All heavy atoms as atom14 arrays in JSON, in Angstrom:
{
  "sequence": "QLPDGSARELPVGAAAQDLAASIGAGLAKA",
  "atom14_mask": [
    [1, 1, 1, 1, 1, 1, 1, 1, 1, 0, 0, 0, 0, 0],
    [1, 1, 1, 1, 1, 1, 1, 1, 0, 0, 0, 0, 0, 0],
    [1, 1, 1, 1, 1, 1, 1, 0, 0, 0, 0, 0, 0, 0],
    [1, 1, 1, 1, 1, 1, 1, 1, 0, 0, 0, 0, 0, 0],
    [1, 1, 1, 1, 0, 0, 0, 0, 0, 0, 0, 0, 0, 0],
    [1, 1, 1, 1, 1, 1, 0, 0, 0, 0, 0, 0, 0, 0],
    [1, 1, 1, 1, 1, 0, 0, 0, 0, 0, 0, 0, 0, 0],
    [1, 1, 1, 1, 1, 1, 1, 1, 1, 1, 1, 0, 0, 0],
    [1, 1, 1, 1, 1, 1, 1, 1, 1, 0, 0, 0, 0, 0],
    [1, 1, 1, 1, 1, 1, 1, 1, 0, 0, 0, 0, 0, 0],
    [1, 1, 1, 1, 1, 1, 1, 0, 0, 0, 0, 0, 0, 0],
    [1, 1, 1, 1, 1, 1, 1, 0, 0, 0, 0, 0, 0, 0],
    [1, 1, 1, 1, 0, 0, 0, 0, 0, 0, 0, 0, 0, 0],
    [1, 1, 1, 1, 1, 0, 0, 0, 0, 0, 0, 0, 0, 0],
    [1, 1, 1, 1, 1, 0, 0, 0, 0, 0, 0, 0, 0, 0],
    [1, 1, 1, 1, 1, 0, 0, 0, 0, 0, 0, 0, 0, 0],
    [1, 1, 1, 1, 1, 1, 1, 1, 1, 0, 0, 0, 0, 0],
    [1, 1, 1, 1, 1, 1, 1, 1, 0, 0, 0, 0, 0, 0],
    [1, 1, 1, 1, 1, 1, 1, 1, 0, 0, 0, 0, 0, 0],
    [1, 1, 1, 1, 1, 0, 0, 0, 0, 0, 0, 0, 0, 0],
    [1, 1, 1, 1, 1, 0, 0, 0, 0, 0, 0, 0, 0, 0],
    [1, 1, 1, 1, 1, 1, 0, 0, 0, 0, 0, 0, 0, 0],
    [1, 1, 1, 1, 1, 1, 1, 1, 0, 0, 0, 0, 0, 0],
    [1, 1, 1, 1, 0, 0, 0, 0, 0, 0, 0, 0, 0, 0],
    [1, 1, 1, 1, 1, 0, 0, 0, 0, 0, 0, 0, 0, 0],
    [1, 1, 1, 1, 0, 0, 0, 0, 0, 0, 0, 0, 0, 0],
    [1, 1, 1, 1, 1, 1, 1, 1, 0, 0, 0, 0, 0, 0],
    [1, 1, 1, 1, 1, 0, 0, 0, 0, 0, 0, 0, 0, 0],
    [1, 1, 1, 1, 1, 1, 1, 1, 1, 0, 0, 0, 0, 0],
    [1, 1, 1, 1, 1, 0, 0, 0, 0, 0, 0, 0, 0, 0]
  ],
  "atom14_positions": [
    [[-17.42, -69.32, 0.66], [-15.97, -69.46, 0.59], [-15.31, -68.56, 1.62], [-15.68, -67.39, 1.78], [-15.45, -69.1, -0.8], [-13.98, -69.42, -1.01], [-13.56, -69.21, -2.46], [-14.39, -69.02, -3.33], [-12.26, -69.27, -2.7], [0.0, 0.0, 0.0], [0.0, 0.0, 0.0], [0.0, 0.0, 0.0], [0.0, 0.0, 0.0], [0.0, 0.0, 0.0]],
    [[-14.32, -69.09, 2.34], [-13.59, -68.34, 3.35], [-12.32, -67.74, 2.76], [-11.87, -68.14, 1.67], [-13.25, -69.27, 4.53], [-14.45, -69.96, 5.2], [-13.99, -70.84, 6.35], [-15.45, -68.92, 5.69], [0.0, 0.0, 0.0], [0.0, 0.0, 0.0], [0.0, 0.0, 0.0], [0.0, 0.0, 0.0], [0.0, 0.0, 0.0], [0.0, 0.0, 0.0]],
    [[-11.69, -66.79, 3.45], [-10.5, -66.12, 2.91], [-9.35, -67.06, 2.58], [-8.54, -66.76, 1.69], [-10.11, -65.15, 4.04], [-11.38, -64.86, 4.75], [-12.15, -66.13, 4.71], [0.0, 0.0, 0.0], [0.0, 0.0, 0.0], [0.0, 0.0, 0.0], [0.0, 0.0, 0.0], [0.0, 0.0, 0.0], [0.0, 0.0, 0.0], [0.0, 0.0, 0.0]],
    [[-9.25, -68.19, 3.28], [-8.16, -69.13, 2.99], [-8.45, -70.03, 1.79], [-7.66, -70.91, 1.46], [-7.84, -69.98, 4.22], [-9.01, -70.87, 4.65], [-10.07, -70.85, 3.98], [-8.88, -71.58, 5.67], [0.0, 0.0, 0.0], [0.0, 0.0, 0.0], [0.0, 0.0, 0.0], [0.0, 0.0, 0.0], [0.0, 0.0, 0.0], [0.0, 0.0, 0.0]],
    [[-9.61, -69.8, 1.15], [-9.97, -70.59, -0.03], [-10.82, -71.8, 0.26], [-11.35, -72.43, -0.67], [0.0, 0.0, 0.0], [0.0, 0.0, 0.0], [0.0, 0.0, 0.0], [0.0, 0.0, 0.0], [0.0, 0.0, 0.0], [0.0, 0.0, 0.0], [0.0, 0.0, 0.0], [0.0, 0.0, 0.0], [0.0, 0.0, 0.0], [0.0, 0.0, 0.0]],
    [[-10.99, -72.13, 1.53], [-11.82, -73.28, 1.88], [-13.3, -72.92, 1.79], [-13.67, -71.74, 1.82], [-11.48, -73.77, 3.29], [-11.79, -72.78, 4.25], [0.0, 0.0, 0.0], [0.0, 0.0, 0.0], [0.0, 0.0, 0.0], [0.0, 0.0, 0.0], [0.0, 0.0, 0.0], [0.0, 0.0, 0.0], [0.0, 0.0, 0.0], [0.0, 0.0, 0.0]],
    [[-14.14, -73.94, 1.69], [-15.6, -73.74, 1.6], [-16.26, -74.27, 2.86], [-15.74, -75.16, 3.54], [-16.15, -74.43, 0.38], [0.0, 0.0, 0.0], [0.0, 0.0, 0.0], [0.0, 0.0, 0.0], [0.0, 0.0, 0.0], [0.0, 0.0, 0.0], [0.0, 0.0, 0.0], [0.0, 0.0, 0.0], [0.0, 0.0, 0.0], [0.0, 0.0, 0.0]],
    [[-17.42, -73.7, 3.16], [-18.16, -74.17, 4.34], [-19.63, -74.27, 3.99], [-20.2, -73.36, 3.38], [-17.95, -73.2, 5.51], [-18.27, -73.86, 6.85], [-17.54, -73.18, 7.97], [-17.56, -73.99, 9.18], [-16.6, -74.8, 9.57], [-15.51, -74.91, 8.83], [-16.69, -75.49, 10.68], [0.0, 0.0, 0.0], [0.0, 0.0, 0.0], [0.0, 0.0, 0.0]],
    [[-20.25, -75.37, 4.41], [-21.67, -75.61, 4.15], [-22.5, -75.07, 5.31], [-22.18, -75.28, 6.49], [-21.94, -77.12, 4.01], [-21.15, -77.8, 2.9], [-21.63, -77.37, 1.52], [-22.85, -77.19, 1.35], [-20.78, -77.21, 0.63], [0.0, 0.0, 0.0], [0.0, 0.0, 0.0], [0.0, 0.0, 0.0], [0.0, 0.0, 0.0], [0.0, 0.0, 0.0]],
    [[-23.59, -74.35, 4.95], [-24.47, -73.78, 5.96], [-25.91, -73.96, 5.52], [-26.19, -74.11, 4.31], [-24.2, -72.27, 6.13], [-22.83, -71.85, 6.68], [-22.65, -70.35, 6.48], [-22.7, -72.22, 8.15], [0.0, 0.0, 0.0], [0.0, 0.0, 0.0], [0.0, 0.0, 0.0], [0.0, 0.0, 0.0], [0.0, 0.0, 0.0], [0.0, 0.0, 0.0]],
    [[-26.86, -73.94, 6.47], [-28.27, -74.03, 6.08], [-28.7, -72.79, 5.3], [-28.18, -71.69, 5.52], [-29.02, -74.12, 7.42], [-27.97, -74.45, 8.43], [-26.68, -73.91, 7.93], [0.0, 0.0, 0.0], [0.0, 0.0, 0.0], [0.0, 0.0, 0.0], [0.0, 0.0, 0.0], [0.0, 0.0, 0.0], [0.0, 0.0, 0.0], [0.0, 0.0, 0.0]],
    [[-29.65, -72.95, 4.41], [-30.24, -71.8, 3.72], [-30.79, -70.82, 4.75], [-31.44, -71.22, 5.72], [-31.36, -72.26, 2.75], [-32.12, -71.06, 2.21], [-30.78, -73.09, 1.62], [0.0, 0.0, 0.0], [0.0, 0.0, 0.0], [0.0, 0.0, 0.0], [0.0, 0.0, 0.0], [0.0, 0.0, 0.0], [0.0, 0.0, 0.0], [0.0, 0.0, 0.0]],
    [[-30.52, -69.54, 4.55], [-30.97, -68.52, 5.49], [-29.97, -68.2, 6.58], [-30.21, -67.31, 7.4], [0.0, 0.0, 0.0], [0.0, 0.0, 0.0], [0.0, 0.0, 0.0], [0.0, 0.0, 0.0], [0.0, 0.0, 0.0], [0.0, 0.0, 0.0], [0.0, 0.0, 0.0], [0.0, 0.0, 0.0], [0.0, 0.0, 0.0], [0.0, 0.0, 0.0]],
    [[-28.84, -68.92, 6.6], [-27.81, -68.65, 7.61], [-27.23, -67.26, 7.42], [-27.13, -66.75, 6.3], [-26.71, -69.7, 7.55], [0.0, 0.0, 0.0], [0.0, 0.0, 0.0], [0.0, 0.0, 0.0], [0.0, 0.0, 0.0], [0.0, 0.0, 0.0], [0.0, 0.0, 0.0], [0.0, 0.0, 0.0], [0.0, 0.0, 0.0], [0.0, 0.0, 0.0]],
    [[-26.84, -66.64, 8.53], [-26.25, -65.3, 8.49], [-24.75, -65.4, 8.78], [-24.23, -66.47, 9.14], [-26.93, -64.39, 9.51], [0.0, 0.0, 0.0], [0.0, 0.0, 0.0], [0.0, 0.0, 0.0], [0.0, 0.0, 0.0], [0.0, 0.0, 0.0], [0.0, 0.0, 0.0], [0.0, 0.0, 0.0], [0.0, 0.0, 0.0], [0.0, 0.0, 0.0]],
    [[-24.07, -64.25, 8.67], [-22.63, -64.23, 8.9], [-22.3, -64.69, 10.32], [-21.29, -65.36, 10.56], [-22.09, -62.82, 8.66], [0.0, 0.0, 0.0], [0.0, 0.0, 0.0], [0.0, 0.0, 0.0], [0.0, 0.0, 0.0], [0.0, 0.0, 0.0], [0.0, 0.0, 0.0], [0.0, 0.0, 0.0], [0.0, 0.0, 0.0], [0.0, 0.0, 0.0]],
    [[-23.17, -64.36, 11.29], [-22.91, -64.78, 12.66], [-23.01, -66.3, 12.81], [-22.31, -66.9, 13.63], [-23.88, -64.09, 13.61], [-25.35, -64.35, 13.32], [-26.27, -63.32, 13.95], [-25.8, -62.31, 14.48], [-27.58, -63.57, 13.91], [0.0, 0.0, 0.0], [0.0, 0.0, 0.0], [0.0, 0.0, 0.0], [0.0, 0.0, 0.0], [0.0, 0.0, 0.0]],
    [[-23.86, -66.94, 11.99], [-23.95, -68.4, 12.02], [-22.68, -69.03, 11.46], [-22.23, -70.07, 11.96], [-25.16, -68.87, 11.21], [-26.47, -68.32, 11.76], [-26.65, -68.38, 12.99], [-27.29, -67.81, 10.96], [0.0, 0.0, 0.0], [0.0, 0.0, 0.0], [0.0, 0.0, 0.0], [0.0, 0.0, 0.0], [0.0, 0.0, 0.0], [0.0, 0.0, 0.0]],
    [[-22.11, -68.39, 10.44], [-20.84, -68.87, 9.9], [-19.77, -68.81, 10.97], [-19.01, -69.77, 11.16], [-20.43, -68.04, 8.69], [-19.03, -68.3, 8.14], [-18.89, -69.73, 7.64], [-18.69, -67.31, 7.02], [0.0, 0.0, 0.0], [0.0, 0.0, 0.0], [0.0, 0.0, 0.0], [0.0, 0.0, 0.0], [0.0, 0.0, 0.0], [0.0, 0.0, 0.0]],
    [[-19.68, -67.68, 11.68], [-18.67, -67.55, 12.73], [-18.84, -68.63, 13.79], [-17.86, -69.25, 14.24], [-18.76, -66.16, 13.36], [0.0, 0.0, 0.0], [0.0, 0.0, 0.0], [0.0, 0.0, 0.0], [0.0, 0.0, 0.0], [0.0, 0.0, 0.0], [0.0, 0.0, 0.0], [0.0, 0.0, 0.0], [0.0, 0.0, 0.0], [0.0, 0.0, 0.0]],
    [[-20.09, -68.91, 14.19], [-20.36, -69.93, 15.21], [-19.98, -71.32, 14.72], [-19.51, -72.15, 15.5], [-21.83, -69.88, 15.61], [0.0, 0.0, 0.0], [0.0, 0.0, 0.0], [0.0, 0.0, 0.0], [0.0, 0.0, 0.0], [0.0, 0.0, 0.0], [0.0, 0.0, 0.0], [0.0, 0.0, 0.0], [0.0, 0.0, 0.0], [0.0, 0.0, 0.0]],
    [[-20.19, -71.56, 13.41], [-19.87, -72.89, 12.87], [-18.37, -73.14, 12.83], [-17.91, -74.28, 12.86], [-20.45, -73.04, 11.46], [-19.72, -72.28, 10.51], [0.0, 0.0, 0.0], [0.0, 0.0, 0.0], [0.0, 0.0, 0.0], [0.0, 0.0, 0.0], [0.0, 0.0, 0.0], [0.0, 0.0, 0.0], [0.0, 0.0, 0.0], [0.0, 0.0, 0.0]],
    [[-17.58, -72.03, 12.77], [-16.13, -72.17, 12.74], [-15.6, -72.42, 14.15], [-14.66, -73.19, 14.35], [-15.48, -70.91, 12.11], [-15.9, -70.82, 10.63], [-13.97, -70.94, 12.24], [-15.48, -69.52, 9.96], [0.0, 0.0, 0.0], [0.0, 0.0, 0.0], [0.0, 0.0, 0.0], [0.0, 0.0, 0.0], [0.0, 0.0, 0.0], [0.0, 0.0, 0.0]],
    [[-16.19, -71.74, 15.14], [-15.71, -71.96, 16.51], [-16.31, -70.96, 17.46], [-16.64, -69.82, 17.09], [0.0, 0.0, 0.0], [0.0, 0.0, 0.0], [0.0, 0.0, 0.0], [0.0, 0.0, 0.0], [0.0, 0.0, 0.0], [0.0, 0.0, 0.0], [0.0, 0.0, 0.0], [0.0, 0.0, 0.0], [0.0, 0.0, 0.0], [0.0, 0.0, 0.0]],
    [[-16.43, -71.36, 18.73], [-17.02, -70.48, 19.75], [-16.17, -69.23, 19.96], [-16.69, -68.14, 20.22], [-17.18, -71.25, 21.06], [0.0, 0.0, 0.0], [0.0, 0.0, 0.0], [0.0, 0.0, 0.0], [0.0, 0.0, 0.0], [0.0, 0.0, 0.0], [0.0, 0.0, 0.0], [0.0, 0.0, 0.0], [0.0, 0.0, 0.0], [0.0, 0.0, 0.0]],
    [[-14.85, -69.39, 19.85], [-13.96, -68.25, 20.04], [-14.17, -67.18, 18.99], [-14.23, -65.98, 19.3], [0.0, 0.0, 0.0], [0.0, 0.0, 0.0], [0.0, 0.0, 0.0], [0.0, 0.0, 0.0], [0.0, 0.0, 0.0], [0.0, 0.0, 0.0], [0.0, 0.0, 0.0], [0.0, 0.0, 0.0], [0.0, 0.0, 0.0], [0.0, 0.0, 0.0]],
    [[-14.32, -67.61, 17.73], [-14.55, -66.65, 16.65], [-15.93, -66.01, 16.79], [-16.08, -64.8, 16.56], [-14.42, -67.33, 15.29], [-14.6, -66.42, 14.08], [-13.56, -65.31, 14.07], [-14.55, -67.22, 12.77], [0.0, 0.0, 0.0], [0.0, 0.0, 0.0], [0.0, 0.0, 0.0], [0.0, 0.0, 0.0], [0.0, 0.0, 0.0], [0.0, 0.0, 0.0]],
    [[-16.92, -66.8, 17.17], [-18.27, -66.26, 17.34], [-18.28, -65.16, 18.41], [-18.95, -64.14, 18.26], [-19.24, -67.37, 17.73], [0.0, 0.0, 0.0], [0.0, 0.0, 0.0], [0.0, 0.0, 0.0], [0.0, 0.0, 0.0], [0.0, 0.0, 0.0], [0.0, 0.0, 0.0], [0.0, 0.0, 0.0], [0.0, 0.0, 0.0], [0.0, 0.0, 0.0]],
    [[-17.49, -65.35, 19.47], [-17.42, -64.35, 20.54], [-16.67, -63.1, 20.09], [-17.03, -61.97, 20.44], [-16.75, -64.96, 21.76], [-16.72, -64.04, 22.96], [-16.09, -64.74, 24.17], [-16.06, -63.8, 25.37], [-15.45, -64.45, 26.56], [0.0, 0.0, 0.0], [0.0, 0.0, 0.0], [0.0, 0.0, 0.0], [0.0, 0.0, 0.0], [0.0, 0.0, 0.0]],
    [[-15.62, -63.3, 19.28], [-14.78, -62.18, 18.85], [-15.34, -61.42, 17.66], [-14.94, -60.29, 17.39], [-13.37, -62.68, 18.51], [0.0, 0.0, 0.0], [0.0, 0.0, 0.0], [0.0, 0.0, 0.0], [0.0, 0.0, 0.0], [0.0, 0.0, 0.0], [0.0, 0.0, 0.0], [0.0, 0.0, 0.0], [0.0, 0.0, 0.0], [0.0, 0.0, 0.0]]
  ]
}
């Protein structure tokens, strides 16, 4: 679950950096 209340599906074993990348390249870089 993200801070805005939305949910995001990720593969088992995914890390926080994978979540950032799945949201967008800009967030992954920042």
